[in-house]
Amino acid sequence: MKYNKKSPTLMLFHADWCGHCQYFMPNFDKFSSNVNKSKINILKFNADTDQSTIKSFNINGFPTVLLHDPNSNRFIQYAGDRSITDLVKFVNDNTGVNVIN
């Protein structure tokens, strides 16, 4: 995927050893495969391999999902249900972009 700085970016911070992450990952991956990649960037950071990035965002628990809206240049933490429907609603509501194909 080519990164588009003008598009919203949804970031997942996860750990392979985390039970909550293991439960959430199938839904997040299905969400990722069904969104229009020209409208949103999807990034995943693993606690074991991306420690410096996780530290730079002050991530203290897993999974953590952050949305970066380039229009307001703000990061919004996701606190909803770990479902595809709620992820779509979260992105659409906070960016005004319909991310589903």
N, C-alpha and C. Protein backbone atom coordinates (compact mmCIF):
# COMPACT_ATOMS: atom_id res chain seq x y z
N MET A 1 0.84 -1.18 0.00
CA MET A 1 0.00 0.00 0.00
C MET A 1 0.88 1.24 0.00
N LYS A 2 0.49 2.20 -0.77
CA LYS A 2 1.18 3.47 -0.80
C LYS A 2 0.55 4.39 0.25
N TYR A 3 1.38 4.99 1.07
CA TYR A 3 0.90 5.85 2.16
C TYR A 3 0.51 7.21 1.60
N ASN A 4 -0.69 7.66 1.91
CA ASN A 4 -1.20 8.94 1.46
C ASN A 4 -1.35 9.86 2.66
N LYS A 5 -0.51 10.88 2.75
CA LYS A 5 -0.52 11.79 3.91
C LYS A 5 -1.80 12.60 4.02
N LYS A 6 -2.57 12.70 2.94
CA LYS A 6 -3.81 13.48 2.97
C LYS A 6 -5.00 12.65 3.43
N SER A 7 -4.83 11.34 3.54
CA SER A 7 -5.91 10.45 3.97
C SER A 7 -5.81 10.17 5.46
N PRO A 8 -6.94 9.88 6.11
CA PRO A 8 -6.90 9.47 7.52
C PRO A 8 -6.07 8.19 7.65
N THR A 9 -5.48 8.01 8.82
CA THR A 9 -4.68 6.82 9.09
C THR A 9 -5.18 6.15 10.36
N LEU A 10 -5.54 4.88 10.22
CA LEU A 10 -5.96 4.08 11.37
C LEU A 10 -4.78 3.20 11.77
N MET A 11 -4.37 3.32 13.03
CA MET A 11 -3.20 2.60 13.52
C MET A 11 -3.59 1.62 14.61
N LEU A 12 -3.16 0.39 14.46
CA LEU A 12 -3.38 -0.63 15.48
C LEU A 12 -2.05 -0.95 16.14
N PHE A 13 -2.02 -0.84 17.45
CA PHE A 13 -0.85 -1.21 18.25
C PHE A 13 -1.24 -2.50 18.97
N HIS A 14 -0.50 -3.56 18.73
CA HIS A 14 -0.88 -4.87 19.26
C HIS A 14 0.34 -5.67 19.70
N ALA A 15 0.07 -6.77 20.39
CA ALA A 15 1.12 -7.68 20.83
C ALA A 15 0.64 -9.11 20.55
N ASP A 16 1.52 -9.92 19.99
CA ASP A 16 1.16 -11.30 19.66
C ASP A 16 0.75 -12.09 20.90
N TRP A 17 1.31 -11.79 22.06
CA TRP A 17 1.04 -12.52 23.28
C TRP A 17 -0.22 -12.05 24.02
N CYS A 18 -0.84 -11.00 23.52
CA CYS A 18 -2.00 -10.40 24.18
C CYS A 18 -3.29 -11.11 23.76
N GLY A 19 -4.01 -11.66 24.74
CA GLY A 19 -5.27 -12.35 24.45
C GLY A 19 -6.32 -11.45 23.83
N HIS A 20 -6.42 -10.21 24.30
CA HIS A 20 -7.40 -9.27 23.72
C HIS A 20 -7.05 -8.98 22.26
N CYS A 21 -5.76 -8.89 21.95
CA CYS A 21 -5.32 -8.66 20.57
C CYS A 21 -5.65 -9.86 19.69
N GLN A 22 -5.43 -11.05 20.20
CA GLN A 22 -5.72 -12.26 19.44
C GLN A 22 -7.21 -12.34 19.10
N TYR A 23 -8.06 -11.90 20.02
CA TYR A 23 -9.50 -11.87 19.78
C TYR A 23 -9.87 -10.80 18.75
N PHE A 24 -9.23 -9.65 18.83
CA PHE A 24 -9.56 -8.49 17.98
C PHE A 24 -8.99 -8.58 16.56
N MET A 25 -7.84 -9.23 16.42
CA MET A 25 -7.11 -9.23 15.15
C MET A 25 -7.93 -9.71 13.94
N PRO A 26 -8.72 -10.80 14.04
CA PRO A 26 -9.51 -11.21 12.87
C PRO A 26 -10.48 -10.13 12.39
N ASN A 27 -11.13 -9.42 13.33
CA ASN A 27 -12.04 -8.34 12.94
C ASN A 27 -11.29 -7.17 12.34
N PHE A 28 -10.15 -6.82 12.92
CA PHE A 28 -9.37 -5.71 12.38
C PHE A 28 -8.87 -6.05 10.97
N ASP A 29 -8.39 -7.28 10.78
CA ASP A 29 -7.90 -7.68 9.46
C ASP A 29 -9.03 -7.71 8.43
N LYS A 30 -10.20 -8.17 8.84
CA LYS A 30 -11.35 -8.17 7.91
C LYS A 30 -11.75 -6.74 7.58
N PHE A 31 -11.77 -5.87 8.58
CA PHE A 31 -12.04 -4.45 8.34
C PHE A 31 -11.03 -3.89 7.34
N SER A 32 -9.75 -4.17 7.56
CA SER A 32 -8.68 -3.67 6.69
C SER A 32 -8.84 -4.14 5.25
N SER A 33 -9.28 -5.37 5.08
CA SER A 33 -9.41 -5.90 3.72
C SER A 33 -10.65 -5.38 3.00
N ASN A 34 -11.60 -4.80 3.75
CA ASN A 34 -12.83 -4.32 3.13
C ASN A 34 -12.92 -2.81 2.95
N VAL A 35 -11.94 -2.07 3.44
CA VAL A 35 -12.00 -0.62 3.29
C VAL A 35 -11.36 -0.19 1.97
N ASN A 36 -11.74 0.98 1.54
CA ASN A 36 -11.17 1.56 0.32
C ASN A 36 -9.82 2.16 0.68
N LYS A 37 -8.75 1.51 0.24
CA LYS A 37 -7.38 1.92 0.62
C LYS A 37 -6.99 3.27 0.02
N SER A 38 -7.76 3.78 -0.93
CA SER A 38 -7.46 5.11 -1.45
C SER A 38 -8.03 6.20 -0.53
N LYS A 39 -8.87 5.80 0.45
CA LYS A 39 -9.48 6.77 1.36
C LYS A 39 -8.89 6.74 2.76
N ILE A 40 -8.19 5.65 3.12
CA ILE A 40 -7.65 5.53 4.47
C ILE A 40 -6.38 4.69 4.44
N ASN A 41 -5.44 5.07 5.28
CA ASN A 41 -4.23 4.27 5.48
C ASN A 41 -4.46 3.38 6.68
N ILE A 42 -3.99 2.14 6.62
CA ILE A 42 -4.08 1.21 7.73
C ILE A 42 -2.66 0.80 8.10
N LEU A 43 -2.29 1.01 9.36
CA LEU A 43 -0.96 0.64 9.84
C LEU A 43 -1.10 -0.23 11.08
N LYS A 44 -0.24 -1.25 11.18
CA LYS A 44 -0.21 -2.11 12.37
C LYS A 44 1.20 -2.09 12.94
N PHE A 45 1.28 -1.95 14.25
CA PHE A 45 2.56 -1.94 14.95
C PHE A 45 2.55 -3.03 16.01
N ASN A 46 3.55 -3.91 15.94
CA ASN A 46 3.67 -5.03 16.86
C ASN A 46 4.59 -4.65 18.02
N ALA A 47 4.16 -4.94 19.23
CA ALA A 47 4.92 -4.58 20.42
C ALA A 47 6.31 -5.21 20.45
N ASP A 48 6.46 -6.36 19.82
CA ASP A 48 7.75 -7.04 19.84
C ASP A 48 8.72 -6.53 18.78
N THR A 49 8.22 -5.99 17.68
CA THR A 49 9.10 -5.57 16.59
C THR A 49 9.12 -4.06 16.35
N ASP A 50 8.15 -3.34 16.88
CA ASP A 50 8.03 -1.90 16.64
C ASP A 50 8.06 -1.12 17.95
N GLN A 51 8.95 -1.49 18.85
CA GLN A 51 8.98 -0.90 20.19
C GLN A 51 9.18 0.61 20.19
N SER A 52 10.03 1.12 19.32
CA SER A 52 10.29 2.56 19.32
C SER A 52 9.06 3.36 18.89
N THR A 53 8.32 2.85 17.91
CA THR A 53 7.10 3.53 17.47
C THR A 53 6.05 3.50 18.57
N ILE A 54 5.89 2.34 19.20
CA ILE A 54 4.92 2.22 20.28
C ILE A 54 5.28 3.16 21.43
N LYS A 55 6.54 3.24 21.75
CA LYS A 55 6.99 4.14 22.82
C LYS A 55 6.74 5.61 22.44
N SER A 56 6.97 5.96 21.18
CA SER A 56 6.79 7.35 20.74
C SER A 56 5.33 7.80 20.82
N PHE A 57 4.39 6.85 20.76
CA PHE A 57 2.97 7.17 20.89
C PHE A 57 2.46 6.99 22.33
N ASN A 58 3.37 6.64 23.25
CA ASN A 58 3.01 6.43 24.66
C ASN A 58 1.91 5.38 24.84
N ILE A 59 2.02 4.29 24.10
CA ILE A 59 1.04 3.21 24.19
C ILE A 59 1.35 2.37 25.42
N ASN A 60 0.36 2.21 26.28
CA ASN A 60 0.55 1.48 27.52
C ASN A 60 -0.23 0.17 27.60
N GLY A 61 -1.16 -0.05 26.69
CA GLY A 61 -1.98 -1.25 26.71
C GLY A 61 -2.32 -1.70 25.31
N PHE A 62 -2.67 -2.96 25.19
CA PHE A 62 -2.96 -3.55 23.88
C PHE A 62 -4.31 -4.25 23.91
N PRO A 63 -5.05 -4.24 22.81
CA PRO A 63 -4.77 -3.46 21.61
C PRO A 63 -5.17 -2.00 21.81
N THR A 64 -4.48 -1.12 21.15
CA THR A 64 -4.83 0.29 21.10
C THR A 64 -4.98 0.68 19.65
N VAL A 65 -6.08 1.37 19.34
CA VAL A 65 -6.33 1.84 17.99
C VAL A 65 -6.39 3.36 18.05
N LEU A 66 -5.59 4.00 17.20
CA LEU A 66 -5.60 5.46 17.07
C LEU A 66 -5.96 5.82 15.64
N LEU A 67 -6.70 6.88 15.50
CA LEU A 67 -7.04 7.43 14.20
C LEU A 67 -6.41 8.80 14.07
N HIS A 68 -5.63 8.99 13.02
CA HIS A 68 -5.07 10.32 12.75
C HIS A 68 -5.89 10.96 11.64
N ASP A 69 -6.47 12.11 11.95
CA ASP A 69 -7.23 12.88 10.96
C ASP A 69 -6.32 13.98 10.45
N PRO A 70 -5.91 13.91 9.18
CA PRO A 70 -4.97 14.91 8.66
C PRO A 70 -5.58 16.32 8.57
N ASN A 71 -6.89 16.43 8.48
CA ASN A 71 -7.52 17.75 8.38
C ASN A 71 -7.39 18.53 9.68
N SER A 72 -7.56 17.85 10.80
CA SER A 72 -7.45 18.52 12.10
C SER A 72 -6.10 18.26 12.76
N ASN A 73 -5.32 17.36 12.18
CA ASN A 73 -4.02 16.92 12.71
C ASN A 73 -4.14 16.46 14.17
N ARG A 74 -5.19 15.69 14.44
CA ARG A 74 -5.37 15.17 15.79
C ARG A 74 -5.43 13.65 15.77
N PHE A 75 -5.09 13.05 16.89
CA PHE A 75 -5.16 11.61 17.08
C PHE A 75 -6.32 11.31 18.01
N ILE A 76 -7.16 10.39 17.61
CA ILE A 76 -8.35 10.03 18.38
C ILE A 76 -8.23 8.56 18.75
N GLN A 77 -8.37 8.26 20.04
CA GLN A 77 -8.27 6.87 20.48
C GLN A 77 -9.63 6.20 20.38
N TYR A 78 -9.64 5.02 19.81
CA TYR A 78 -10.85 4.22 19.66
C TYR A 78 -11.19 3.56 20.98
N ALA A 79 -12.45 3.68 21.39
CA ALA A 79 -12.88 3.08 22.65
C ALA A 79 -14.15 2.26 22.47
N GLY A 80 -14.48 1.93 21.24
CA GLY A 80 -15.72 1.21 20.97
C GLY A 80 -15.58 -0.28 21.05
N ASP A 81 -16.63 -0.95 20.64
CA ASP A 81 -16.67 -2.40 20.58
C ASP A 81 -15.67 -2.88 19.54
N ARG A 82 -15.14 -4.05 19.71
CA ARG A 82 -14.13 -4.57 18.79
C ARG A 82 -14.79 -5.27 17.59
N SER A 83 -15.73 -4.57 16.97
CA SER A 83 -16.45 -5.12 15.82
C SER A 83 -16.13 -4.29 14.57
N ILE A 84 -16.33 -4.91 13.42
CA ILE A 84 -16.10 -4.23 12.15
C ILE A 84 -17.06 -3.05 12.01
N THR A 85 -18.31 -3.25 12.36
CA THR A 85 -19.32 -2.19 12.26
C THR A 85 -18.92 -0.97 13.07
N ASP A 86 -18.45 -1.18 14.29
CA ASP A 86 -18.06 -0.05 15.15
C ASP A 86 -16.78 0.63 14.65
N LEU A 87 -15.85 -0.15 14.09
CA LEU A 87 -14.65 0.46 13.51
C LEU A 87 -15.02 1.37 12.34
N VAL A 88 -15.90 0.89 11.47
CA VAL A 88 -16.35 1.69 10.32
C VAL A 88 -17.01 2.97 10.81
N LYS A 89 -17.91 2.84 11.77
CA LYS A 89 -18.63 4.02 12.30
C LYS A 89 -17.65 5.01 12.93
N PHE A 90 -16.67 4.50 13.68
CA PHE A 90 -15.68 5.35 14.31
C PHE A 90 -14.91 6.17 13.27
N VAL A 91 -14.44 5.52 12.22
CA VAL A 91 -13.68 6.22 11.18
C VAL A 91 -14.58 7.21 10.44
N ASN A 92 -15.76 6.76 10.03
CA ASN A 92 -16.67 7.63 9.29
C ASN A 92 -17.07 8.85 10.11
N ASP A 93 -17.42 8.64 11.39
CA ASP A 93 -17.87 9.73 12.25
C ASP A 93 -16.77 10.75 12.53
N ASN A 94 -15.52 10.29 12.62
CA ASN A 94 -14.44 11.19 13.00
C ASN A 94 -13.69 11.80 11.83
N THR A 95 -13.97 11.35 10.62
CA THR A 95 -13.29 11.91 9.46
C THR A 95 -14.24 12.43 8.39
N GLY A 96 -15.50 11.99 8.44
CA GLY A 96 -16.45 12.35 7.40
C GLY A 96 -16.21 11.61 6.10
N VAL A 97 -15.34 10.62 6.12
CA VAL A 97 -15.00 9.84 4.94
C VAL A 97 -15.66 8.47 5.03
N ASN A 98 -16.39 8.08 4.00
CA ASN A 98 -16.98 6.74 3.94
C ASN A 98 -15.91 5.78 3.42
N VAL A 99 -15.36 4.94 4.30
CA VAL A 99 -14.21 4.14 3.97
C VAL A 99 -14.53 2.77 3.36
N ILE A 100 -15.78 2.38 3.34
CA ILE A 100 -16.13 1.09 2.77
C ILE A 100 -16.26 1.21 1.26
N ASN A 101 -15.73 0.20 0.57
CA ASN A 101 -15.77 0.18 -0.91
C ASN A 101 -17.17 0.28 -1.43
